[in-house]
Amino acid sequence: MKLFLVETKLHLREWPFLLFTLGLPTLLLIALGYGIPGMTEVQASGERVVDTHMPSMMTLLTLLMLACNVVPAVLTTYREQGVLRRMSTTPVHPGRVLGAQLVINLAIGAVSTVLLTVAGMVVFGSSAPKQWAGFVLVFLLGTAALLAIGLVIAALAPNGKVAPGIGSAVMFPLMYVAGMWTPRETMPDGLRLVSDFSVAGPFAQALRDTWAGHAPQLMHLAVVAAGLVVFGGLAVRLFRWE
């Protein structure tokens, strides 16, 4: 618990970046909802884009920023400064630092999701996720899978300066295949196939489904769970304490 509190205080010291991570998705939701024609119009499905698609994408954006940029930068900097190596010689195993970082970033992602949900309800009259149990399951499973990807990036990055660049190179393709700019329904067949078997694509679709009140599809859950197993295993195998 003490280590968790220390790591939390270190995160709070970086309050400008914390505010950026928490505020950007909400600001984008409002700006795009008002700025792009058709966002607030009822579609053939009976839903508006700002009701399900946009909050799902903004939730994914938050988690990708945390997983691909924040986690790798922090952990590679710790490794570069010898923090993890020194901790490995004490009763406090450095693995606890990883655990604390993952829990903290999960909490930040959850707070950001609550903020953008409330903003959507107040500004656009949207609703919170209608399938709450499914949403929580999808959120936790998908976040764990993305954080596992972040640990792999941290394992491969040589230092804290390079880690954000590698993270961005991973993050933007994942955003694209998830449908951030091109809806998955309009993607070419080959790209949609890639999206279907990436972690981000099924995660985004499952978020969208549960937001609309539908149960998440088992196929989507299976792909995300497989991603967690694969990238989690790679992280365990590749991660270096020094």
Foldseek 3Di string as FASTA:
>chain_A
DVLLVVVVVVVVVVVVVLCCLLPVLLVCLVCCCPPPPQQLDQDPVRDHCSQFVSLLLSLLVSLLCLQQQVLLLVQQACLVVLVQVVCCVDPRHSVVVVVSSLVVSLVSSVSSSVVSQVSCCVPNVHHAQQQVVQLVVLSVLLSLLSNLVSLLLSLPDNHSVCRNVVSVVVSVVLSVLLQVPHRLVPDPPVSNVVSLQDLNNLSSVSSRQRSVPHHRDPSSSVSSNVSSVVSNVSSVVRHDSD
